[in-house]
Amino acid sequence: MAAYIIFCTTEVHDEERLAEYRRQVVPLLQTTPGLKVFAGPIPITLEGPPLVVAVVAELPDLEAAKRWYYSANYQRVAAIRHAASRGFAFIVESFTPPKH
C-alpha cells in the first residue's frame, strides 16, 4: 500500500535558507523512483496551528517512505529546512476501509 510523508511548516524564520532547501530537495525528489509530490500554494488549515507550507510525498509503500526520509541524502538537506523553519512531519499508510 502507498505511504505518504506529510510535511507541515508552521513558521519560516529564514526564507533564504528555505529557498536553498527547495533547490537541493527538488533533485532528490526528481530522482526517486515511484515518488509523487503534492503541494499547493497556501494550505487551508482545518485543525491545529496555521500552516505556512504543506507538502505530501507519496511513495509505493511504508518501507520506501522510511528509506527515503531517513536516507543520508535527504537528512543532509532536511537539516537546512530544520534551520530555516519550524513544523512537523509524519508518515501514514493508505488503507482501504472494509466494506459493510
C-alpha atoms as a PDB file:
ATOM      1  CA  MET A   1       0.000   0.000   0.000  1.00  0.00           C
ATOM      2  CA  ALA A   2       1.123   3.534  -0.693  1.00  0.00           C
ATOM      3  CA  ALA A   3       2.649   5.572   2.114  1.00  0.00           C
ATOM      4  CA  TYR A   4       2.678   9.322   2.464  1.00  0.00           C
ATOM      5  CA  ILE A   5       5.236  11.583   4.093  1.00  0.00           C
ATOM      6  CA  ILE A   6       3.408  14.717   5.215  1.00  0.00           C
ATOM      7  CA  PHE A   7       5.489  17.846   5.843  1.00  0.00           C
ATOM      8  CA  CYS A   8       3.764  20.703   7.701  1.00  0.00           C
ATOM      9  CA  THR A   9       5.567  24.009   8.190  1.00  0.00           C
ATOM     10  CA  THR A  10       4.119  26.311  10.826  1.00  0.00           C
ATOM     11  CA  GLU A  11       6.780  29.050  10.825  1.00  0.00           C
ATOM     12  CA  VAL A  12       9.539  30.216   8.497  1.00  0.00           C
ATOM     13  CA  HIS A  13      12.266  32.336  10.069  1.00  0.00           C
ATOM     14  CA  ASP A  14      14.861  32.207   7.270  1.00  0.00           C
ATOM     15  CA  GLU A  15      13.409  32.488   3.747  1.00  0.00           C
ATOM     16  CA  GLU A  16      16.864  32.319   2.104  1.00  0.00           C
ATOM     17  CA  ARG A  17      17.725  29.026   3.793  1.00  0.00           C
ATOM     18  CA  LEU A  18      14.312  27.606   2.975  1.00  0.00           C
ATOM     19  CA  ALA A  19      14.841  28.558  -0.680  1.00  0.00           C
ATOM     20  CA  GLU A  20      18.182  26.703  -0.548  1.00  0.00           C
ATOM     21  CA  TYR A  21      16.386  23.658   0.890  1.00  0.00           C
ATOM     22  CA  ARG A  22      13.945  23.739  -2.044  1.00  0.00           C
ATOM     23  CA  ARG A  23      16.805  23.999  -4.557  1.00  0.00           C
ATOM     24  CA  GLN A  24      18.507  20.969  -3.044  1.00  0.00           C
ATOM     25  CA  VAL A  25      15.456  18.805  -2.365  1.00  0.00           C
ATOM     26  CA  VAL A  26      13.959  19.049  -5.878  1.00  0.00           C
ATOM     27  CA  PRO A  27      16.702  16.904  -7.494  1.00  0.00           C
ATOM     28  CA  LEU A  28      16.233  14.279  -4.744  1.00  0.00           C
ATOM     29  CA  LEU A  29      12.518  14.198  -5.457  1.00  0.00           C
ATOM     30  CA  GLN A  30      13.032  14.021  -9.208  1.00  0.00           C
ATOM     31  CA  THR A  31      15.415  11.059  -8.995  1.00  0.00           C
ATOM     32  CA  THR A  32      13.348   8.942  -6.592  1.00  0.00           C
ATOM     33  CA  PRO A  33      11.517   6.170  -8.467  1.00  0.00           C
ATOM     34  CA  GLY A  34       7.803   5.961  -7.726  1.00  0.00           C
ATOM     35  CA  LEU A  35       7.678   9.204  -5.743  1.00  0.00           C
ATOM     36  CA  LYS A  36       4.855  11.697  -6.352  1.00  0.00           C
ATOM     37  CA  VAL A  37       4.680  15.095  -4.669  1.00  0.00           C
ATOM     38  CA  PHE A  38       1.586  17.147  -3.930  1.00  0.00           C
ATOM     39  CA  ALA A  39       1.726  20.756  -2.721  1.00  0.00           C
ATOM     40  CA  GLY A  40      -0.455  23.793  -3.072  1.00  0.00           C
ATOM     41  CA  PRO A  41       0.310  27.482  -2.816  1.00  0.00           C
ATOM     42  CA  ILE A  42      -1.415  28.050   0.534  1.00  0.00           C
ATOM     43  CA  PRO A  43      -2.651  25.170   2.694  1.00  0.00           C
ATOM     44  CA  ILE A  44      -6.079  25.527   4.269  1.00  0.00           C
ATOM     45  CA  THR A  45      -5.707  24.638   7.933  1.00  0.00           C
ATOM     46  CA  LEU A  46      -8.770  22.839   9.233  1.00  0.00           C
ATOM     47  CA  GLU A  47      -7.457  21.956  12.708  1.00  0.00           C
ATOM     48  CA  GLY A  48      -4.300  22.727  14.652  1.00  0.00           C
ATOM     49  CA  PRO A  49      -1.795  25.535  14.183  1.00  0.00           C
ATOM     50  CA  PRO A  50      -1.908  27.560  10.944  1.00  0.00           C
ATOM     51  CA  LEU A  51       0.316  26.104   8.218  1.00  0.00           C
ATOM     52  CA  VAL A  52       2.591  28.159   6.016  1.00  0.00           C
ATOM     53  CA  VAL A  53       3.572  25.235   3.788  1.00  0.00           C
ATOM     54  CA  ALA A  54       2.264  21.687   3.444  1.00  0.00           C
ATOM     55  CA  VAL A  55       3.758  19.024   1.176  1.00  0.00           C
ATOM     56  CA  VAL A  56       2.702  15.416   0.666  1.00  0.00           C
ATOM     57  CA  ALA A  57       5.167  12.923  -0.819  1.00  0.00           C
ATOM     58  CA  GLU A  58       3.654   9.623  -1.959  1.00  0.00           C
ATOM     59  CA  LEU A  59       5.854   6.544  -2.127  1.00  0.00           C
ATOM     60  CA  PRO A  60       4.938   2.961  -3.063  1.00  0.00           C
ATOM     61  CA  ASP A  61       4.958   1.613   0.499  1.00  0.00           C
ATOM     62  CA  LEU A  62       5.930   2.277   4.113  1.00  0.00           C
ATOM     63  CA  GLU A  63       9.453   0.875   3.793  1.00  0.00           C
ATOM     64  CA  ALA A  64      10.167   3.046   0.719  1.00  0.00           C
ATOM     65  CA  ALA A  65       8.908   6.125   2.584  1.00  0.00           C
ATOM     66  CA  LYS A  66      11.110   5.410   5.603  1.00  0.00           C
ATOM     67  CA  ARG A  67      14.136   4.669   3.395  1.00  0.00           C
ATOM     68  CA  TRP A  68      13.704   7.970   1.550  1.00  0.00           C
ATOM     69  CA  TYR A  69      13.129  10.092   4.668  1.00  0.00           C
ATOM     70  CA  TYR A  70      15.992   8.551   6.675  1.00  0.00           C
ATOM     71  CA  SER A  71      18.424   8.436   3.744  1.00  0.00           C
ATOM     72  CA  ALA A  72      21.700  10.294   4.237  1.00  0.00           C
ATOM     73  CA  ASN A  73      20.965  12.411   1.165  1.00  0.00           C
ATOM     74  CA  TYR A  74      17.603  13.631   2.464  1.00  0.00           C
ATOM     75  CA  GLN A  75      18.772  14.071   6.069  1.00  0.00           C
ATOM     76  CA  ARG A  76      21.605  16.318   4.838  1.00  0.00           C
ATOM     77  CA  VAL A  77      19.060  18.525   3.050  1.00  0.00           C
ATOM     78  CA  ALA A  78      16.487  18.282   5.862  1.00  0.00           C
ATOM     79  CA  ALA A  79      18.994  19.945   8.199  1.00  0.00           C
ATOM     80  CA  ILE A  80      18.651  23.099   6.087  1.00  0.00           C
ATOM     81  CA  ARG A  81      14.843  23.009   6.449  1.00  0.00           C
ATOM     82  CA  HIS A  82      15.149  22.469  10.201  1.00  0.00           C
ATOM     83  CA  ALA A  83      17.436  25.514  10.490  1.00  0.00           C
ATOM     84  CA  ALA A  84      15.069  27.674   8.405  1.00  0.00           C
ATOM     85  CA  SER A  85      11.663  26.756   9.766  1.00  0.00           C
ATOM     86  CA  ARG A  86       9.521  25.048  12.367  1.00  0.00           C
ATOM     87  CA  GLY A  87       6.959  22.384  11.775  1.00  0.00           C
ATOM     88  CA  PHE A  88       6.429  18.672  11.844  1.00  0.00           C
ATOM     89  CA  ALA A  89       6.380  15.669   9.563  1.00  0.00           C
ATOM     90  CA  PHE A  90       4.925  12.189   9.713  1.00  0.00           C
ATOM     91  CA  ILE A  91       4.353   9.092   7.609  1.00  0.00           C
ATOM     92  CA  VAL A  92       0.968   7.486   7.140  1.00  0.00           C
ATOM     93  CA  GLU A  93      -0.004   4.436   5.104  1.00  0.00           C
ATOM     94  CA  SER A  94      -3.019   4.280   2.846  1.00  0.00           C
ATOM     95  CA  PHE A  95      -5.683   1.720   3.542  1.00  0.00           C
ATOM     96  CA  THR A  96      -8.960   0.589   2.110  1.00  0.00           C
ATOM     97  CA  PRO A  97     -11.825   0.709   4.601  1.00  0.00           C
ATOM     98  CA  PRO A  98     -13.651  -2.587   4.948  1.00  0.00           C
ATOM     99  CA  LYS A  99     -16.910  -2.876   3.022  1.00  0.00           C
ATOM    100  CA  HIS A 100     -20.046  -3.485   5.033  1.00  0.00           C
END
